[in-house]
PDB file of N, CA and C in Angstrom:
ATOM      1  N   MET A   1       0.880  -1.131   0.066  1.00  0.00           N
ATOM      2  CA  MET A   1       0.005  -0.074  -0.068  1.00  0.00           C
ATOM      3  C   MET A   1       0.866   1.225  -0.054  1.00  0.00           C
ATOM      4  N   THR A   2       0.804   2.227  -0.765  1.00  0.00           N
ATOM      5  CA  THR A   2       1.420   3.457  -0.786  1.00  0.00           C
ATOM      6  C   THR A   2       0.943   4.301   0.143  1.00  0.00           C
ATOM      7  N   SER A   3       1.966   5.258   0.487  1.00  0.00           N
ATOM      8  CA  SER A   3       1.711   6.283   1.496  1.00  0.00           C
ATOM      9  C   SER A   3       0.922   7.462   0.646  1.00  0.00           C
ATOM     10  N   THR A   4       0.424   8.405   1.554  1.00  0.00           N
ATOM     11  CA  THR A   4      -0.531   9.549   0.845  1.00  0.00           C
ATOM     12  C   THR A   4       0.774  10.324  -0.094  1.00  0.00           C
ATOM     13  N   LYS A   5       1.946  10.536   0.452  1.00  0.00           N
ATOM     14  CA  LYS A   5       3.007  11.273  -0.131  1.00  0.00           C
ATOM     15  C   LYS A   5       3.385  10.339  -1.609  1.00  0.00           C
ATOM     16  N   GLU A   6       3.570   9.339  -1.413  1.00  0.00           N
ATOM     17  CA  GLU A   6       3.832   8.398  -2.645  1.00  0.00           C
ATOM     18  C   GLU A   6       2.710   8.584  -3.613  1.00  0.00           C
ATOM     19  N   ALA A   7       1.496   8.449  -3.147  1.00  0.00           N
ATOM     20  CA  ALA A   7       0.251   8.532  -4.324  1.00  0.00           C
ATOM     21  C   ALA A   7       0.238   9.861  -4.799  1.00  0.00           C
ATOM     22  N   ASP A   8       0.641  11.052  -4.187  1.00  0.00           N
ATOM     23  CA  ASP A   8       0.711  12.231  -4.764  1.00  0.00           C
ATOM     24  C   ASP A   8       1.819  12.473  -5.853  1.00  0.00           C
ATOM     25  N   VAL A   9       2.946  11.755  -5.695  1.00  0.00           N
ATOM     26  CA  VAL A   9       3.972  11.838  -6.454  1.00  0.00           C
ATOM     27  C   VAL A   9       3.546  10.902  -7.638  1.00  0.00           C
ATOM     28  N   GLU A  10       3.078   9.689  -7.607  1.00  0.00           N
ATOM     29  CA  GLU A  10       2.610   9.202  -8.610  1.00  0.00           C
ATOM     30  C   GLU A  10       1.373   9.906  -9.520  1.00  0.00           C
ATOM     31  N   THR A  11       0.322  10.536  -8.820  1.00  0.00           N
ATOM     32  CA  THR A  11      -0.663  11.359  -9.586  1.00  0.00           C
ATOM     33  C   THR A  11      -0.031  12.402 -10.135  1.00  0.00           C
ATOM     34  N   ASP A  12       1.014  13.215  -9.512  1.00  0.00           N
ATOM     35  CA  ASP A  12       1.574  14.347 -10.077  1.00  0.00           C
ATOM     36  C   ASP A  12       2.397  14.041 -11.292  1.00  0.00           C
ATOM     37  N   THR A  13       3.009  12.773 -11.383  1.00  0.00           N
ATOM     38  CA  THR A  13       3.821  12.227 -12.428  1.00  0.00           C
ATOM     39  C   THR A  13       3.023  11.891 -13.543  1.00  0.00           C
ATOM     40  N   ILE A  14       1.993  11.210 -13.344  1.00  0.00           N
ATOM     41  CA  ILE A  14       0.952  10.750 -14.312  1.00  0.00           C
ATOM     42  C   ILE A  14       0.332  11.771 -14.960  1.00  0.00           C
ATOM     43  N   LEU A  15       0.003  13.043 -14.109  1.00  0.00           N
ATOM     44  CA  LEU A  15      -0.802  14.140 -14.787  1.00  0.00           C
ATOM     45  C   LEU A  15       0.457  14.946 -15.583  1.00  0.00           C
ATOM     46  N   GLU A  16       1.656  14.985 -15.227  1.00  0.00           N
ATOM     47  CA  GLU A  16       2.445  15.612 -15.970  1.00  0.00           C
ATOM     48  C   GLU A  16       2.696  15.068 -17.366  1.00  0.00           C
ATOM     49  N   LEU A  17       2.668  13.763 -17.121  1.00  0.00           N
ATOM     50  CA  LEU A  17       2.801  13.048 -18.486  1.00  0.00           C
ATOM     51  C   LEU A  17       1.661  13.041 -19.362  1.00  0.00           C
ATOM     52  N   LEU A  18       0.684  13.281 -18.983  1.00  0.00           N
ATOM     53  CA  LEU A  18      -0.747  13.517 -19.786  1.00  0.00           C
ATOM     54  C   LEU A  18      -0.556  14.847 -20.337  1.00  0.00           C
ATOM     55  N   GLU A  19       0.024  15.910 -19.623  1.00  0.00           N
ATOM     56  CA  GLU A  19      -0.059  17.274 -20.171  1.00  0.00           C
ATOM     57  C   GLU A  19       1.066  17.281 -21.206  1.00  0.00           C
ATOM     58  N   ILE A  20       2.153  16.553 -20.986  1.00  0.00           N
ATOM     59  CA  ILE A  20       3.117  16.283 -22.202  1.00  0.00           C
ATOM     60  C   ILE A  20       2.588  15.923 -23.361  1.00  0.00           C
ATOM     61  N   PHE A  21       1.888  14.474 -23.257  1.00  0.00           N
ATOM     62  CA  PHE A  21       1.174  14.133 -24.385  1.00  0.00           C
ATOM     63  C   PHE A  21      -0.037  14.976 -25.127  1.00  0.00           C
ATOM     64  N   ILE A  22      -0.650  15.551 -24.459  1.00  0.00           N
ATOM     65  CA  ILE A  22      -1.450  16.585 -24.971  1.00  0.00           C
ATOM     66  C   ILE A  22      -0.971  17.663 -25.748  1.00  0.00           C
ATOM     67  N   HIS A  23       0.107  18.241 -25.287  1.00  0.00           N
ATOM     68  CA  HIS A  23       0.722  19.476 -25.920  1.00  0.00           C
ATOM     69  C   HIS A  23       1.481  18.645 -27.225  1.00  0.00           C
ATOM     70  N   SER A  24       2.008  17.415 -27.017  1.00  0.00           N
ATOM     71  CA  SER A  24       2.642  16.969 -28.231  1.00  0.00           C
ATOM     72  C   SER A  24       1.467  16.567 -29.363  1.00  0.00           C
ATOM     73  N   ILE A  25       0.491  16.199 -28.958  1.00  0.00           N
ATOM     74  CA  ILE A  25      -0.551  16.008 -29.817  1.00  0.00           C
ATOM     75  C   ILE A  25      -1.079  17.045 -30.585  1.00  0.00           C
ATOM     76  N   LEU A  26      -1.411  18.164 -29.864  1.00  0.00           N
ATOM     77  CA  LEU A  26      -1.625  19.558 -30.408  1.00  0.00           C
ATOM     78  C   LEU A  26      -0.731  20.168 -31.222  1.00  0.00           C
ATOM     79  N   PHE A  27       0.371  19.970 -31.092  1.00  0.00           N
ATOM     80  CA  PHE A  27       1.644  20.377 -31.907  1.00  0.00           C
ATOM     81  C   PHE A  27       1.797  19.755 -33.121  1.00  0.00           C
ATOM     82  N   ALA A  28       1.893  18.131 -32.948  1.00  0.00           N
ATOM     83  CA  ALA A  28       2.301  17.362 -34.166  1.00  0.00           C
ATOM     84  C   ALA A  28       0.946  17.278 -35.173  1.00  0.00           C
ATOM     85  N   ARG A  29      -0.216  17.474 -34.543  1.00  0.00           N
ATOM     86  CA  ARG A  29      -1.497  17.287 -35.423  1.00  0.00           C
ATOM     87  C   ARG A  29      -1.689  18.923 -36.013  1.00  0.00           C
ATOM     88  N   GLU A  30      -0.986  19.873 -35.659  1.00  0.00           N
ATOM     89  CA  GLU A  30      -0.997  21.131 -36.179  1.00  0.00           C
ATOM     90  C   GLU A  30      -2.322  21.769 -35.769  1.00  0.00           C
ATOM     91  N   LEU A  31      -2.886  21.391 -34.630  1.00  0.00           N
ATOM     92  CA  LEU A  31      -4.185  21.798 -34.311  1.00  0.00           C
ATOM     93  C   LEU A  31      -4.181  23.470 -33.699  1.00  0.00           C
ATOM     94  N   TYR A  32      -2.947  23.804 -33.604  1.00  0.00           N
ATOM     95  CA  TYR A  32      -2.728  25.250 -33.098  1.00  0.00           C
ATOM     96  C   TYR A  32      -1.427  25.649 -33.882  1.00  0.00           C
ATOM     97  N   PRO A  33      -1.297  27.113 -34.217  1.00  0.00           N
ATOM     98  CA  PRO A  33      -0.238  27.339 -34.958  1.00  0.00           C
ATOM     99  C   PRO A  33       0.992  26.847 -34.289  1.00  0.00           C
ATOM    100  N   ALA A  34       1.975  26.640 -34.952  1.00  0.00           N
ATOM    101  CA  ALA A  34       3.353  26.269 -34.310  1.00  0.00           C
ATOM    102  C   ALA A  34       4.107  27.404 -33.776  1.00  0.00           C
ATOM    103  N   ALA A  35       3.585  28.530 -33.786  1.00  0.00           N
ATOM    104  CA  ALA A  35       4.158  29.858 -33.267  1.00  0.00           C
ATOM    105  C   ALA A  35       3.830  29.878 -31.819  1.00  0.00           C
ATOM    106  N   ILE A  36       2.653  29.172 -31.155  1.00  0.00           N
ATOM    107  CA  ILE A  36       2.539  29.241 -29.993  1.00  0.00           C
ATOM    108  C   ILE A  36       3.053  28.166 -29.079  1.00  0.00           C
ATOM    109  N   PHE A  37       4.074  27.298 -29.578  1.00  0.00           N
ATOM    110  CA  PHE A  37       4.646  26.234 -28.966  1.00  0.00           C
ATOM    111  C   PHE A  37       6.150  26.627 -28.877  1.00  0.00           C
ATOM    112  N   ARG A  38       6.762  26.286 -27.650  1.00  0.00           N
ATOM    113  CA  ARG A  38       8.357  26.377 -27.458  1.00  0.00           C
ATOM    114  C   ARG A  38       8.878  25.252 -27.157  1.00  0.00           C
ATOM    115  N   PRO A  39      10.090  24.766 -27.715  1.00  0.00           N
ATOM    116  CA  PRO A  39      10.766  23.707 -27.246  1.00  0.00           C
ATOM    117  C   PRO A  39      11.176  23.600 -25.696  1.00  0.00           C
ATOM    118  N   ARG A  40      11.084  22.621 -25.113  1.00  0.00           N
ATOM    119  CA  ARG A  40      11.402  22.187 -23.797  1.00  0.00           C
ATOM    120  C   ARG A  40      11.862  20.954 -23.576  1.00  0.00           C
ATOM    121  N   ARG A  41      12.277  20.509 -22.514  1.00  0.00           N
ATOM    122  CA  ARG A  41      12.710  19.212 -22.082  1.00  0.00           C
ATOM    123  C   ARG A  41      11.945  18.629 -20.749  1.00  0.00           C
ATOM    124  N   ALA A  42      11.520  17.562 -21.169  1.00  0.00           N
ATOM    125  CA  ALA A  42      10.747  16.973 -19.972  1.00  0.00           C
ATOM    126  C   ALA A  42      11.087  15.468 -19.805  1.00  0.00           C
ATOM    127  N   TYR A  43      11.752  15.097 -18.759  1.00  0.00           N
ATOM    128  CA  TYR A  43      12.231  13.846 -18.544  1.00  0.00           C
ATOM    129  C   TYR A  43      13.265  13.464 -19.564  1.00  0.00           C
ATOM    130  N   ASN A  44      14.230  14.303 -19.826  1.00  0.00           N
ATOM    131  CA  ASN A  44      15.141  14.170 -20.602  1.00  0.00           C
ATOM    132  C   ASN A  44      14.872  14.211 -22.117  1.00  0.00           C
ATOM    133  N   ILE A  45      13.608  14.646 -22.435  1.00  0.00           N
ATOM    134  CA  ILE A  45      13.063  14.565 -23.904  1.00  0.00           C
ATOM    135  C   ILE A  45      12.749  15.762 -24.472  1.00  0.00           C
ATOM    136  N   PRO A  46      12.957  16.056 -25.694  1.00  0.00           N
ATOM    137  CA  PRO A  46      12.709  17.348 -26.030  1.00  0.00           C
ATOM    138  C   PRO A  46      11.055  17.261 -26.559  1.00  0.00           C
ATOM    139  N   VAL A  47      10.438  18.245 -25.920  1.00  0.00           N
ATOM    140  CA  VAL A  47       9.020  18.473 -26.373  1.00  0.00           C
ATOM    141  C   VAL A  47       8.700  19.987 -26.581  1.00  0.00           C
ATOM    142  N   GLN A  48       7.513  19.835 -27.336  1.00  0.00           N
ATOM    143  CA  GLN A  48       6.913  21.234 -27.691  1.00  0.00           C
ATOM    144  C   GLN A  48       6.027  21.620 -26.575  1.00  0.00           C
ATOM    145  N   VAL A  49       6.029  22.807 -25.991  1.00  0.00           N
ATOM    146  CA  VAL A  49       4.733  23.374 -24.993  1.00  0.00           C
ATOM    147  C   VAL A  49       4.101  24.462 -25.425  1.00  0.00           C
ATOM    148  N   SER A  50       3.072  24.658 -25.320  1.00  0.00           N
ATOM    149  CA  SER A  50       2.124  25.976 -25.576  1.00  0.00           C
ATOM    150  C   SER A  50       2.593  26.839 -24.731  1.00  0.00           C
ATOM    151  N   ILE A  51       2.614  28.151 -25.339  1.00  0.00           N
ATOM    152  CA  ILE A  51       2.817  29.427 -24.292  1.00  0.00           C
ATOM    153  C   ILE A  51       1.637  30.211 -24.536  1.00  0.00           C
ATOM    154  N   PHE A  52       0.621  29.726 -25.177  1.00  0.00           N
ATOM    155  CA  PHE A  52      -0.532  30.512 -25.448  1.00  0.00           C
ATOM    156  C   PHE A  52      -1.663  30.231 -24.044  1.00  0.00           C
ATOM    157  N   LYS A  53      -1.546  31.628 -23.569  1.00  0.00           N
ATOM    158  CA  LYS A  53      -2.298  31.453 -22.145  1.00  0.00           C
ATOM    159  C   LYS A  53      -3.688  31.024 -22.081  1.00  0.00           C
ATOM    160  N   PRO A  54      -4.882  31.249 -23.080  1.00  0.00           N
ATOM    161  CA  PRO A  54      -6.026  30.646 -22.810  1.00  0.00           C
ATOM    162  C   PRO A  54      -6.065  28.992 -23.054  1.00  0.00           C
ATOM    163  N   LEU A  55      -5.129  28.578 -23.902  1.00  0.00           N
ATOM    164  CA  LEU A  55      -5.135  27.275 -23.943  1.00  0.00           C
ATOM    165  C   LEU A  55      -4.391  26.688 -22.535  1.00  0.00           C
ATOM    166  N   ASN A  56      -3.360  27.110 -22.201  1.00  0.00           N
ATOM    167  CA  ASN A  56      -2.768  26.612 -21.014  1.00  0.00           C
ATOM    168  C   ASN A  56      -3.585  26.817 -19.951  1.00  0.00           C
ATOM    169  N   ASP A  57      -4.527  27.767 -19.702  1.00  0.00           N
ATOM    170  CA  ASP A  57      -5.460  28.082 -18.651  1.00  0.00           C
ATOM    171  C   ASP A  57      -6.646  26.943 -18.695  1.00  0.00           C
ATOM    172  N   TYR A  58      -6.943  26.681 -19.916  1.00  0.00           N
ATOM    173  CA  TYR A  58      -7.874  25.613 -20.044  1.00  0.00           C
ATOM    174  C   TYR A  58      -7.393  24.167 -19.716  1.00  0.00           C
ATOM    175  N   LEU A  59      -6.091  23.867 -20.140  1.00  0.00           N
ATOM    176  CA  LEU A  59      -5.415  22.471 -19.846  1.00  0.00           C
ATOM    177  C   LEU A  59      -5.260  22.451 -18.261  1.00  0.00           C
ATOM    178  N   GLU A  60      -4.795  23.687 -17.825  1.00  0.00           N
ATOM    179  CA  GLU A  60      -4.446  23.539 -16.412  1.00  0.00           C
ATOM    180  C   GLU A  60      -5.821  23.195 -15.745  1.00  0.00           C
ATOM    181  N   LYS A  61      -6.850  23.855 -16.030  1.00  0.00           N
ATOM    182  CA  LYS A  61      -8.239  23.439 -15.384  1.00  0.00           C
ATOM    183  C   LYS A  61      -8.655  22.219 -15.487  1.00  0.00           C
ATOM    184  N   THR A  62      -8.474  21.587 -16.697  1.00  0.00           N
ATOM    185  CA  THR A  62      -8.796  20.358 -17.012  1.00  0.00           C
ATOM    186  C   THR A  62      -7.916  19.170 -16.188  1.00  0.00           C
ATOM    187  N   LEU A  63      -6.743  19.463 -16.215  1.00  0.00           N
ATOM    188  CA  LEU A  63      -5.852  18.572 -15.452  1.00  0.00           C
ATOM    189  C   LEU A  63      -5.964  18.609 -14.137  1.00  0.00           C
ATOM    190  N   ARG A  64      -6.386  19.637 -13.428  1.00  0.00           N
ATOM    191  CA  ARG A  64      -6.733  19.947 -11.941  1.00  0.00           C
ATOM    192  C   ARG A  64      -7.720  18.930 -11.609  1.00  0.00           C
ATOM    193  N   ALA A  65      -8.933  19.137 -12.417  1.00  0.00           N
ATOM    194  CA  ALA A  65     -10.020  18.146 -12.184  1.00  0.00           C
ATOM    195  C   ALA A  65      -9.496  16.562 -12.429  1.00  0.00           C
ATOM    196  N   ALA A  66      -8.669  16.338 -13.410  1.00  0.00           N
ATOM    197  CA  ALA A  66      -8.244  15.030 -13.450  1.00  0.00           C
ATOM    198  C   ALA A  66      -7.392  14.496 -12.635  1.00  0.00           C
ATOM    199  N   ARG A  67      -6.493  15.466 -11.926  1.00  0.00           N
ATOM    200  CA  ARG A  67      -5.790  15.338 -10.694  1.00  0.00           C
ATOM    201  C   ARG A  67      -6.723  14.736  -9.566  1.00  0.00           C
ATOM    202  N   GLU A  68      -7.684  15.428  -9.195  1.00  0.00           N
ATOM    203  CA  GLU A  68      -8.614  15.177  -8.164  1.00  0.00           C
ATOM    204  C   GLU A  68      -9.244  13.743  -8.240  1.00  0.00           C
ATOM    205  N   LEU A  69      -9.677  13.572  -9.570  1.00  0.00           N
ATOM    206  CA  LEU A  69     -10.400  12.231  -9.835  1.00  0.00           C
ATOM    207  C   LEU A  69      -9.306  11.152  -9.637  1.00  0.00           C
ATOM    208  N   LYS A  70      -7.866  11.351 -10.060  1.00  0.00           N
ATOM    209  CA  LYS A  70      -6.894  10.330  -9.951  1.00  0.00           C
ATOM    210  C   LYS A  70      -6.522  10.085  -8.580  1.00  0.00           C
ATOM    211  N   ARG A  71      -6.739  10.958  -7.656  1.00  0.00           N
ATOM    212  CA  ARG A  71      -6.319  11.042  -6.278  1.00  0.00           C
ATOM    213  C   ARG A  71      -7.439   9.948  -5.695  1.00  0.00           C
ATOM    214  N   GLN A  72      -8.612  10.043  -6.045  1.00  0.00           N
ATOM    215  CA  GLN A  72      -9.910   9.313  -5.606  1.00  0.00           C
ATOM    216  C   GLN A  72      -9.842   8.085  -6.274  1.00  0.00           C
ATOM    217  N   ARG A  73      -9.008   7.692  -7.251  1.00  0.00           N
ATOM    218  CA  ARG A  73      -9.038   6.428  -7.833  1.00  0.00           C
ATOM    219  C   ARG A  73     -10.144   6.447  -8.850  1.00  0.00           C
ATOM    220  N   LYS A  74     -10.631   7.476  -9.415  1.00  0.00           N
ATOM    221  CA  LYS A  74     -11.776   7.447 -10.185  1.00  0.00           C
ATOM    222  C   LYS A  74     -11.474   7.756 -11.662  1.00  0.00           C
ATOM    223  N   LEU A  75     -10.193   8.066 -11.985  1.00  0.00           N
ATOM    224  CA  LEU A  75      -9.723   8.397 -13.506  1.00  0.00           C
ATOM    225  C   LEU A  75      -9.125   7.368 -13.808  1.00  0.00           C
ATOM    226  N   HIS A  76      -9.772   6.759 -14.846  1.00  0.00           N
ATOM    227  CA  HIS A  76      -9.330   5.497 -15.720  1.00  0.00           C
ATOM    228  C   HIS A  76      -8.681   5.687 -17.135  1.00  0.00           C
ATOM    229  N   LYS A  77      -9.472   6.875 -17.652  1.00  0.00           N
ATOM    230  CA  LYS A  77      -8.634   7.242 -19.077  1.00  0.00           C
ATOM    231  C   LYS A  77      -9.004   8.887 -19.323  1.00  0.00           C
ATOM    232  N   VAL A  78      -8.331   9.269 -20.165  1.00  0.00           N
ATOM    233  CA  VAL A  78      -8.431  10.662 -20.762  1.00  0.00           C
ATOM    234  C   VAL A  78      -8.610  10.520 -21.992  1.00  0.00           C
ATOM    235  N   GLU A  79      -9.542  11.074 -22.765  1.00  0.00           N
ATOM    236  CA  GLU A  79      -9.598  11.148 -24.248  1.00  0.00           C
ATOM    237  C   GLU A  79      -9.483  12.679 -24.710  1.00  0.00           C
ATOM    238  N   LEU A  80      -8.744  12.783 -25.732  1.00  0.00           N
ATOM    239  CA  LEU A  80      -8.735  14.045 -26.397  1.00  0.00           C
ATOM    240  C   LEU A  80      -9.434  14.016 -27.617  1.00  0.00           C
ATOM    241  N   LEU A  81     -10.470  14.647 -27.897  1.00  0.00           N
ATOM    242  CA  LEU A  81     -11.196  14.647 -29.016  1.00  0.00           C
ATOM    243  C   LEU A  81     -10.972  15.835 -29.924  1.00  0.00           C
ATOM    244  N   VAL A  82     -10.785  15.695 -31.147  1.00  0.00           N
ATOM    245  CA  VAL A  82     -10.463  16.740 -32.034  1.00  0.00           C
ATOM    246  C   VAL A  82     -11.672  16.822 -33.056  1.00  0.00           C
ATOM    247  N   TYR A  83     -12.444  18.021 -32.858  1.00  0.00           N
ATOM    248  CA  TYR A  83     -13.495  18.447 -33.682  1.00  0.00           C
ATOM    249  C   TYR A  83     -13.102  19.478 -34.887  1.00  0.00           C
ATOM    250  N   LYS A  84     -13.914  19.377 -35.826  1.00  0.00           N
ATOM    251  CA  LYS A  84     -14.041  20.502 -36.771  1.00  0.00           C
ATOM    252  C   LYS A  84     -15.243  21.264 -36.810  1.00  0.00           C
ATOM    253  N   GLU A  85     -15.510  22.524 -36.826  1.00  0.00           N
ATOM    254  CA  GLU A  85     -16.597  23.213 -36.949  1.00  0.00           C
ATOM    255  C   GLU A  85     -17.719  22.926 -37.856  1.00  0.00           C
ATOM    256  N   GLU A  86     -17.175  22.603 -39.004  1.00  0.00           N
ATOM    257  CA  GLU A  86     -18.008  22.044 -40.024  1.00  0.00           C
ATOM    258  C   GLU A  86     -18.519  20.714 -40.082  1.00  0.00           C
ATOM    259  N   SER A  87     -17.743  19.932 -39.155  1.00  0.00           N
ATOM    260  CA  SER A  87     -18.167  18.443 -39.083  1.00  0.00           C
ATOM    261  C   SER A  87     -19.084  18.113 -37.881  1.00  0.00           C
ATOM    262  N   ALA A  88     -20.048  17.097 -38.203  1.00  0.00           N
ATOM    263  CA  ALA A  88     -21.080  16.854 -37.198  1.00  0.00           C
ATOM    264  C   ALA A  88     -20.463  15.949 -35.987  1.00  0.00           C
ATOM    265  N   GLY A  89     -19.343  15.268 -36.566  1.00  0.00           N
ATOM    266  CA  GLY A  89     -18.734  14.356 -35.322  1.00  0.00           C
ATOM    267  C   GLY A  89     -17.268  14.819 -35.209  1.00  0.00           C
ATOM    268  N   HIS A  90     -16.652  13.847 -34.356  1.00  0.00           N
ATOM    269  CA  HIS A  90     -15.102  14.150 -33.922  1.00  0.00           C
ATOM    270  C   HIS A  90     -14.437  13.499 -35.227  1.00  0.00           C
ATOM    271  N   LEU A  91     -13.222  14.288 -35.566  1.00  0.00           N
ATOM    272  CA  LEU A  91     -12.407  13.685 -36.552  1.00  0.00           C
ATOM    273  C   LEU A  91     -11.230  12.608 -35.985  1.00  0.00           C
ATOM    274  N   GLU A  92     -10.693  13.059 -34.931  1.00  0.00           N
ATOM    275  CA  GLU A  92      -9.734  12.099 -34.280  1.00  0.00           C
ATOM    276  C   GLU A  92     -10.070  11.929 -32.931  1.00  0.00           C
ATOM    277  N   SER A  93      -9.544  10.929 -32.163  1.00  0.00           N
ATOM    278  CA  SER A  93      -9.719  10.563 -30.842  1.00  0.00           C
ATOM    279  C   SER A  93      -8.269   9.913 -30.320  1.00  0.00           C
ATOM    280  N   TYR A  94      -7.871  10.474 -29.158  1.00  0.00           N
ATOM    281  CA  TYR A  94      -6.608  10.142 -28.631  1.00  0.00           C
ATOM    282  C   TYR A  94      -6.977   9.542 -27.291  1.00  0.00           C
ATOM    283  N   VAL A  95      -6.695   8.283 -26.901  1.00  0.00           N
ATOM    284  CA  VAL A  95      -7.343   7.681 -25.672  1.00  0.00           C
ATOM    285  C   VAL A  95      -5.937   7.405 -24.843  1.00  0.00           C
ATOM    286  N   MET A  96      -5.974   7.884 -23.729  1.00  0.00           N
ATOM    287  CA  MET A  96      -4.902   7.773 -22.629  1.00  0.00           C
ATOM    288  C   MET A  96      -5.323   6.845 -21.572  1.00  0.00           C
ATOM    289  N   GLU A  97      -5.277   5.488 -21.457  1.00  0.00           N
ATOM    290  CA  GLU A  97      -5.927   4.692 -20.480  1.00  0.00           C
ATOM    291  C   GLU A  97      -4.844   4.540 -19.259  1.00  0.00           C
ATOM    292  N   LEU A  98      -5.389   4.653 -18.084  1.00  0.00           N
ATOM    293  CA  LEU A  98      -4.765   4.625 -16.696  1.00  0.00           C
ATOM    294  C   LEU A  98      -4.924   3.471 -16.183  1.00  0.00           C
ATOM    295  N   GLU A  99      -4.199   2.803 -15.586  1.00  0.00           N
ATOM    296  CA  GLU A  99      -4.098   1.540 -14.806  1.00  0.00           C
ATOM    297  C   GLU A  99      -3.895   1.977 -13.303  1.00  0.00           C
ATOM    298  N   ASP A 100      -4.647   1.393 -12.368  1.00  0.00           N
ATOM    299  CA  ASP A 100      -4.409   1.479 -11.009  1.00  0.00           C
ATOM    300  C   ASP A 100      -3.304   0.582 -10.640  1.00  0.00           C
ATOM    301  N   ARG A 101      -2.128   0.923 -10.479  1.00  0.00           N
ATOM    302  CA  ARG A 101      -1.292  -0.090 -10.041  1.00  0.00           C
ATOM    303  C   ARG A 101      -0.203   0.772  -9.227  1.00  0.00           C
ATOM    304  N   GLU A 102       0.843   0.182  -8.418  1.00  0.00           N
ATOM    305  CA  GLU A 102       1.857   0.613  -7.857  1.00  0.00           C
ATOM    306  C   GLU A 102       2.793   1.230  -8.911  1.00  0.00           C
ATOM    307  N   PHE A 103       3.270   2.494  -8.584  1.00  0.00           N
ATOM    308  CA  PHE A 103       4.022   3.262  -9.343  1.00  0.00           C
ATOM    309  C   PHE A 103       5.170   3.800  -8.614  1.00  0.00           C
ATOM    310  N   ARG A 104       6.250   3.523  -8.874  1.00  0.00           N
ATOM    311  CA  ARG A 104       7.337   4.283  -7.833  1.00  0.00           C
ATOM    312  C   ARG A 104       8.641   4.407  -8.673  1.00  0.00           C
ATOM    313  N   LEU A 105       9.024   5.812  -8.570  1.00  0.00           N
ATOM    314  CA  LEU A 105      10.366   6.073  -9.363  1.00  0.00           C
ATOM    315  C   LEU A 105      11.464   6.272  -8.025  1.00  0.00           C
ATOM    316  N   GLU A 106      11.482   5.347  -7.418  1.00  0.00           N
ATOM    317  CA  GLU A 106      12.391   5.062  -6.235  1.00  0.00           C
ATOM    318  C   GLU A 106      14.111   5.131  -6.519  1.00  0.00           C
ATOM    319  N   SER A 107      14.384   5.034  -7.846  1.00  0.00           N
ATOM    320  CA  SER A 107      15.691   4.793  -8.245  1.00  0.00           C
ATOM    321  C   SER A 107      15.997   5.424  -9.729  1.00  0.00           C
ATOM    322  N   ASP A 108      17.192   5.744  -9.754  1.00  0.00           N
ATOM    323  CA  ASP A 108      17.378   6.259 -11.046  1.00  0.00           C
ATOM    324  C   ASP A 108      16.887   5.262 -12.193  1.00  0.00           C
ATOM    325  N   GLU A 109      17.170   4.014 -12.017  1.00  0.00           N
ATOM    326  CA  GLU A 109      16.991   3.104 -12.935  1.00  0.00           C
ATOM    327  C   GLU A 109      15.531   3.102 -13.312  1.00  0.00           C
ATOM    328  N   HIS A 110      14.662   3.059 -12.441  1.00  0.00           N
ATOM    329  CA  HIS A 110      13.288   3.459 -12.710  1.00  0.00           C
ATOM    330  C   HIS A 110      12.819   4.657 -13.548  1.00  0.00           C
ATOM    331  N   MET A 111      13.571   5.707 -13.339  1.00  0.00           N
ATOM    332  CA  MET A 111      13.388   6.892 -13.976  1.00  0.00           C
ATOM    333  C   MET A 111      13.945   6.648 -15.390  1.00  0.00           C
ATOM    334  N   ILE A 112      14.967   5.931 -15.585  1.00  0.00           N
ATOM    335  CA  ILE A 112      15.510   5.782 -16.954  1.00  0.00           C
ATOM    336  C   ILE A 112      14.675   4.993 -17.787  1.00  0.00           C
ATOM    337  N   GLN A 113      13.975   4.051 -17.129  1.00  0.00           N
ATOM    338  CA  GLN A 113      12.812   3.073 -17.846  1.00  0.00           C
ATOM    339  C   GLN A 113      11.638   3.922 -18.291  1.00  0.00           C
ATOM    340  N   LEU A 114      11.351   4.933 -17.300  1.00  0.00           N
ATOM    341  CA  LEU A 114       9.966   5.716 -17.644  1.00  0.00           C
ATOM    342  C   LEU A 114      10.330   6.675 -18.931  1.00  0.00           C
ATOM    343  N   GLU A 115      11.629   7.305 -18.856  1.00  0.00           N
ATOM    344  CA  GLU A 115      11.980   8.092 -19.963  1.00  0.00           C
ATOM    345  C   GLU A 115      12.058   7.440 -20.928  1.00  0.00           C
ATOM    346  N   GLU A 116      12.548   6.193 -21.221  1.00  0.00           N
ATOM    347  CA  GLU A 116      12.749   5.509 -22.459  1.00  0.00           C
ATOM    348  C   GLU A 116      11.345   5.182 -23.212  1.00  0.00           C
ATOM    349  N   GLN A 117      10.269   4.776 -21.886  1.00  0.00           N
ATOM    350  CA  GLN A 117       8.892   4.569 -22.309  1.00  0.00           C
ATOM    351  C   GLN A 117       8.358   5.720 -22.911  1.00  0.00           C
ATOM    352  N   ILE A 118       8.494   6.922 -22.284  1.00  0.00           N
ATOM    353  CA  ILE A 118       7.999   8.209 -22.853  1.00  0.00           C
ATOM    354  C   ILE A 118       8.552   8.447 -24.381  1.00  0.00           C
ATOM    355  N   ARG A 119       9.669   8.237 -24.397  1.00  0.00           N
ATOM    356  CA  ARG A 119      10.331   8.517 -25.631  1.00  0.00           C
ATOM    357  C   ARG A 119       9.789   7.573 -26.908  1.00  0.00           C
ATOM    358  N   ARG A 120       9.591   6.286 -26.454  1.00  0.00           N
ATOM    359  CA  ARG A 120       9.366   5.492 -27.506  1.00  0.00           C
ATOM    360  C   ARG A 120       7.686   5.737 -27.887  1.00  0.00           C
ATOM    361  N   SER A 121       6.903   6.306 -27.043  1.00  0.00           N
ATOM    362  CA  SER A 121       5.562   6.618 -27.052  1.00  0.00           C
ATOM    363  C   SER A 121       5.317   7.982 -27.777  1.00  0.00           C
ATOM    364  N   LEU A 122       6.228   8.906 -27.796  1.00  0.00           N
ATOM    365  CA  LEU A 122       6.014  10.125 -28.262  1.00  0.00           C
ATOM    366  C   LEU A 122       6.682  10.079 -29.929  1.00  0.00           C
TER     367      LEU A 122
END
């Protein structure tokens, strides 16, 4: 059983990864102009992150709600749907499924494994 502090670290790490994936999708699919993104490094991986305040505020609010659901063990997946104004339905769907299991980054080896998994998935 994980302690509250360990659970918070797990939750924060997972939500940070979700944020990285969302920014990566928005950039790669050119859903926003490239000019609103800046290169950053996360987990030793180059990523593009939005600097557009309205978008960032929306993502922050959404991820804050997701963080609370994750802490309550009620968050099982996050889905990013891409809509086009002229279309009746969504054009693309990106689903990030979350499993409830022990997650610890207690050693450098575990962090290296996590970085490799992130690198492969981006």
